[in-house]
Protein backbone atom coordinates (compact mmCIF):
# COMPACT_ATOMS: atom_id res chain seq x y z
CA UNK A 1 -10.95 14.82 57.86
CA UNK A 2 -9.32 18.20 58.05
CA UNK A 3 -9.88 18.11 61.70
CA UNK A 4 -7.99 15.12 62.26
CA UNK A 5 -4.82 15.99 60.67
CA UNK A 6 -1.76 17.45 62.12
CA UNK A 7 -0.65 21.21 61.29
CA UNK A 8 2.82 22.42 60.96
CA UNK A 9 2.90 24.28 64.14
CA UNK A 10 2.48 21.17 66.31
CA UNK A 11 5.41 20.36 68.34
CA UNK A 12 7.37 17.16 67.52
CA UNK A 13 6.86 15.96 70.93
CA UNK A 14 3.34 15.49 70.01
CA UNK A 15 4.33 13.10 67.39
CA UNK A 16 5.10 9.67 68.65
CA UNK A 17 7.36 7.44 66.64
CA UNK A 18 5.64 4.68 64.65
CA UNK A 19 6.99 1.96 66.95
CA UNK A 20 4.89 3.56 69.63
CA UNK A 21 1.46 2.98 67.48
CA UNK A 22 -0.20 -0.15 68.00
CA UNK A 23 -2.57 -1.05 65.12
CA UNK A 24 -4.97 -3.75 64.88
CA UNK A 25 -5.85 -5.11 61.23
CA UNK A 26 -9.10 -6.79 60.96
CA UNK A 27 -9.88 -9.01 57.66
CA UNK A 28 -11.30 -12.40 56.92
CA UNK A 29 -9.27 -12.56 53.80
CA UNK A 30 -5.75 -13.72 54.94
CA UNK A 31 -3.96 -12.63 52.03
CA UNK A 32 -5.25 -9.01 52.30
CA UNK A 33 -4.60 -9.20 55.84
CA UNK A 34 -0.92 -10.17 55.45
CA UNK A 35 -0.55 -7.55 52.56
CA UNK A 36 -1.83 -4.66 54.82
CA UNK A 37 0.11 -5.93 57.95
CA UNK A 38 3.38 -5.88 55.92
CA UNK A 39 2.91 -2.20 54.52
CA UNK A 40 2.40 -1.08 58.11
CA UNK A 41 5.29 -2.93 59.25
CA UNK A 42 7.35 -1.20 56.54
CA UNK A 43 6.63 1.93 58.42
CA UNK A 44 7.50 0.25 61.78
CA UNK A 45 4.05 0.24 63.03
CA UNK A 46 3.35 -2.43 65.75
CA UNK A 47 0.69 -4.67 64.26
CA UNK A 48 -1.61 -7.23 65.60
CA UNK A 49 -3.76 -9.16 62.89
CA UNK A 50 -7.12 -10.79 63.43
CA UNK A 51 -9.55 -12.67 61.20
CA UNK A 52 -13.02 -11.72 62.19
CA UNK A 53 -14.91 -8.91 64.02
CA UNK A 54 -15.59 -11.12 66.87
CA UNK A 55 -11.86 -11.86 67.55
CA UNK A 56 -11.10 -8.29 67.29
CA UNK A 57 -13.51 -7.36 70.09
CA UNK A 58 -12.35 -9.94 72.08
CA UNK A 59 -8.87 -8.87 71.89
CA UNK A 60 -9.76 -5.34 72.67
CA UNK A 61 -11.68 -6.09 75.77
CA UNK A 62 -8.77 -8.19 77.13
CA UNK A 63 -6.20 -5.45 76.26
CA UNK A 64 -8.42 -2.37 76.09
CA UNK A 65 -5.75 0.25 76.52
CA UNK A 66 -3.14 -1.50 74.19
CA UNK A 67 -4.16 -0.09 70.82
CA UNK A 68 -4.35 3.16 69.22
CA UNK A 69 -5.83 2.52 65.79
CA UNK A 70 -8.03 -0.22 64.08
CA UNK A 71 -8.03 -0.99 60.48
CA UNK A 72 -11.02 -3.14 59.21
CA UNK A 73 -12.38 -4.56 55.97
CA UNK A 74 -15.97 -3.63 55.48
CA UNK A 75 -17.18 -7.09 54.15
CA UNK A 76 -16.97 -9.64 56.69
CA UNK A 77 -19.22 -12.61 57.70
CA UNK A 78 -21.41 -12.44 60.90
CA UNK A 79 -20.27 -8.78 61.98
CA UNK A 80 -19.13 -6.51 59.12
CA UNK A 81 -16.83 -3.60 59.43
CA UNK A 82 -19.62 -0.91 59.92
CA UNK A 83 -20.98 -2.93 62.84
CA UNK A 84 -17.44 -3.43 64.36
CA UNK A 85 -16.69 0.32 63.78
CA UNK A 86 -20.06 1.34 65.90
CA UNK A 87 -19.12 -1.29 68.67
CA UNK A 88 -15.43 -0.08 68.79
CA UNK A 89 -16.68 3.60 69.03
CA UNK A 90 -19.12 2.74 71.74
CA UNK A 91 -16.86 0.60 73.90
CA UNK A 92 -13.31 1.99 73.40
CA UNK A 93 -13.54 5.30 71.46
CA UNK A 94 -10.79 4.34 69.18
CA UNK A 95 -10.26 5.56 65.61
CA UNK A 96 -11.47 3.16 63.01
CA UNK A 97 -10.07 3.13 59.36
CA UNK A 98 -12.52 1.19 56.84
CA UNK A 99 -11.16 -0.74 53.88
CA UNK A 100 -13.33 -2.14 51.04
CA UNK A 101 -13.19 -2.63 47.24
CA UNK A 102 -16.50 -0.47 46.92
CA UNK A 103 -16.00 2.82 45.33
CA UNK A 104 -19.48 3.84 45.32
CA UNK A 105 -20.01 7.14 47.20
CA UNK A 106 -22.69 5.60 49.44
CA UNK A 107 -20.15 3.38 51.26
CA UNK A 108 -17.76 6.34 51.97
CA UNK A 109 -20.63 8.35 53.27
CA UNK A 110 -21.84 5.62 55.58
CA UNK A 111 -18.67 4.84 56.94
CA UNK A 112 -17.36 8.41 57.39
CA UNK A 113 -20.64 9.91 58.83
CA UNK A 114 -20.83 6.82 60.94
CA UNK A 115 -17.57 7.94 62.77
CA UNK A 116 -14.87 6.27 60.64
CA UNK A 117 -11.52 8.08 60.81
CA UNK A 118 -10.91 7.49 57.15
CA UNK A 119 -11.94 5.09 54.21
CA UNK A 120 -9.48 3.35 51.94
CA UNK A 121 -10.56 1.85 48.68
CA UNK A 122 -8.66 -1.35 47.74
CA UNK A 123 -6.23 -2.04 46.53
CA UNK A 124 -4.37 -0.69 49.62
CA UNK A 125 -1.14 1.32 48.88
CA UNK A 126 1.91 2.40 50.89
CA UNK A 127 0.48 5.95 50.46
CA UNK A 128 -2.71 5.01 52.07
CA UNK A 129 -1.11 3.80 55.31
CA UNK A 130 2.12 5.65 55.90
CA UNK A 131 0.38 8.68 57.66
CA UNK A 132 -2.45 6.75 59.49
CA UNK A 133 -0.58 7.53 62.60
CA UNK A 134 -2.10 11.03 62.59
CA UNK A 135 -5.58 9.65 63.55
CA UNK A 136 -4.28 7.86 66.53
CA UNK A 137 -2.47 11.07 67.48
CA UNK A 138 -5.50 13.10 67.18
CA UNK A 139 -7.49 10.77 69.10
CA UNK A 140 -5.13 10.89 72.07
CA UNK A 141 -5.11 14.55 72.10
CA UNK A 142 -8.69 14.84 72.04
CA UNK A 143 -8.84 12.56 75.04
CA UNK A 144 -6.46 14.87 77.06
CA UNK A 145 -8.05 17.88 76.02
CA UNK A 146 -11.81 16.88 76.18
CA UNK A 147 -13.24 15.65 79.43
CA UNK A 148 -16.02 14.06 77.36
CA UNK A 149 -15.08 11.49 74.96
CA UNK A 150 -16.62 11.97 71.32
CA UNK A 151 -16.29 9.83 68.26
CA UNK A 152 -15.03 11.47 65.29
CA UNK A 153 -17.52 13.96 63.42
CA UNK A 154 -17.19 13.71 59.58
CA UNK A 155 -19.40 16.08 57.46
CA UNK A 156 -20.24 15.80 53.83
CA UNK A 157 -17.41 18.30 53.00
CA UNK A 158 -14.75 15.83 54.32
CA UNK A 159 -16.22 12.83 52.31
CA UNK A 160 -15.85 15.12 49.18
CA UNK A 161 -12.11 15.58 50.03
CA UNK A 162 -11.51 11.76 50.50
CA UNK A 163 -12.89 11.25 47.13
CA UNK A 164 -11.19 14.21 45.42
CA UNK A 165 -7.76 13.04 46.78
CA UNK A 166 -8.30 9.44 45.71
CA UNK A 167 -9.49 10.60 42.14
CA UNK A 168 -6.53 12.94 41.88
CA UNK A 169 -4.05 10.23 42.65
CA UNK A 170 -5.63 7.84 40.11
CA UNK A 171 -5.46 10.34 37.48
CA UNK A 172 -1.98 11.37 38.11
CA UNK A 173 -0.92 7.87 37.76
CA UNK A 174 -2.99 7.43 34.55
CA UNK A 175 -1.32 10.43 33.09
CA UNK A 176 2.29 9.11 34.03
CA UNK A 177 1.57 5.84 32.32
CA UNK A 178 0.15 7.47 29.09
CA UNK A 179 3.31 9.67 28.78
CA UNK A 180 5.63 6.43 29.14
CA UNK A 181 3.69 4.85 26.49
CA UNK A 182 3.85 7.71 24.26
CA UNK A 183 7.60 8.10 24.77
CA UNK A 184 7.91 4.38 23.96
CA UNK A 185 6.21 4.34 20.69
CA UNK A 186 8.84 6.92 19.35
CA UNK A 187 11.81 4.91 20.47
CA UNK A 188 13.39 1.66 19.54
CA UNK A 189 13.33 -1.22 22.08
CA UNK A 190 9.58 -0.58 23.02
CA UNK A 191 9.45 -3.85 25.03
CA UNK A 192 12.44 -3.04 27.10
CA UNK A 193 11.11 0.46 27.87
CA UNK A 194 7.83 -0.94 28.93
CA UNK A 195 9.51 -3.27 31.38
CA UNK A 196 11.43 -0.58 32.86
CA UNK A 197 8.43 1.77 33.35
CA UNK A 198 6.65 2.06 36.39
CA UNK A 199 3.45 0.04 36.50
CA UNK A 200 0.13 1.14 37.83
CA UNK A 201 -1.37 -1.47 40.04
CA UNK A 202 -5.00 -1.10 39.05
CA UNK A 203 -7.76 -2.88 40.98
CA UNK A 204 -7.98 -5.67 38.23
CA UNK A 205 -4.21 -6.14 38.07
CA UNK A 206 -4.14 -6.26 42.05
CA UNK A 207 -7.04 -8.73 42.11
CA UNK A 208 -5.11 -11.13 39.73
CA UNK A 209 -2.09 -10.62 42.03
CA UNK A 210 -4.21 -11.78 45.07
CA UNK A 211 -5.69 -14.65 43.18
CA UNK A 212 -2.10 -16.06 42.11
CA UNK A 213 -1.10 -15.75 45.84
CA UNK A 214 -4.17 -17.74 46.92
CA UNK A 215 -3.29 -20.33 44.35
CA UNK A 216 0.37 -20.69 45.25
CA UNK A 217 0.28 -20.00 48.93
CA UNK A 218 2.41 -17.13 50.88
CA UNK A 219 5.20 -19.64 51.64
CA UNK A 220 5.92 -20.66 48.16
CA UNK A 221 5.05 -17.30 46.28
CA UNK A 222 8.01 -16.01 44.23
CA UNK A 223 7.93 -13.55 41.53
CA UNK A 224 8.45 -16.03 38.70
CA UNK A 225 5.45 -18.33 39.80
CA UNK A 226 3.23 -15.38 40.59
CA UNK A 227 3.73 -13.95 37.10
CA UNK A 228 2.98 -17.37 35.52
CA UNK A 229 -0.15 -17.62 37.38
CA UNK A 230 -1.09 -14.11 36.33
CA UNK A 231 -0.39 -15.18 32.72
CA UNK A 232 2.40 -12.47 32.23
CA UNK A 233 0.61 -9.28 31.65
CA UNK A 234 2.34 -6.95 29.24
CA UNK A 235 4.85 -4.66 30.88
CA UNK A 236 4.99 -6.68 34.27
CA UNK A 237 8.15 -7.76 35.32
CA UNK A 238 9.43 -9.80 38.20
CA UNK A 239 10.99 -6.74 39.59
CA UNK A 240 7.45 -5.22 39.75
CA UNK A 241 6.01 -8.31 41.43
CA UNK A 242 8.72 -8.30 43.99
CA UNK A 243 8.34 -4.80 44.72
CA UNK A 244 4.64 -5.34 45.15
CA UNK A 245 5.06 -8.38 47.23
CA UNK A 246 7.15 -6.59 49.89
């Protein structure tokens, strides 16, 4: 992964604006598809969404030079994310980011050693997507500098770095939540303080959120109704849900 990231001595001219990065997002789950696309659009990426690997390949073949980055879910029917990644690498030599609920190291290794630019474990966060432009830029630069196109080469050390970065982020969030809870125990108005504290969206809580969206429908989803369908978890407020919904 280290080989794909920008260093501080690169000129600003080599970094295009987010508006110039065309991203394709592939997921058969329309809720997850909408959420990831919304996060990317927050950072002004140009986003095209498709619901299957077959549709993704068809779109790429008809607009082969339009896209700069592919983000795909791993688990999809007919053709999964690993197969799509291999096909994209062979036909288009575009960077592919894999997304999955699987936290097992075997999935990370299979994806990254197979040529994926990055592997994201769901639930996807804003921190996960905001710097993905670097992979598109790195790929563009390698095409200009190298006459022979080569897929990303990710070794075992890079796999460890991805795992370590994810683990540090989770531990940091857990420590912050523990500190908030301890502070609340020593003060009056514990319930009020909990509502104001930052909510850590764990995988379980995010899955409840997605299930509520599926039942309600995106068009009718408002924070109050989502909370009701989630059985109003302790400490979760309408403001937290509204922020997560954006």
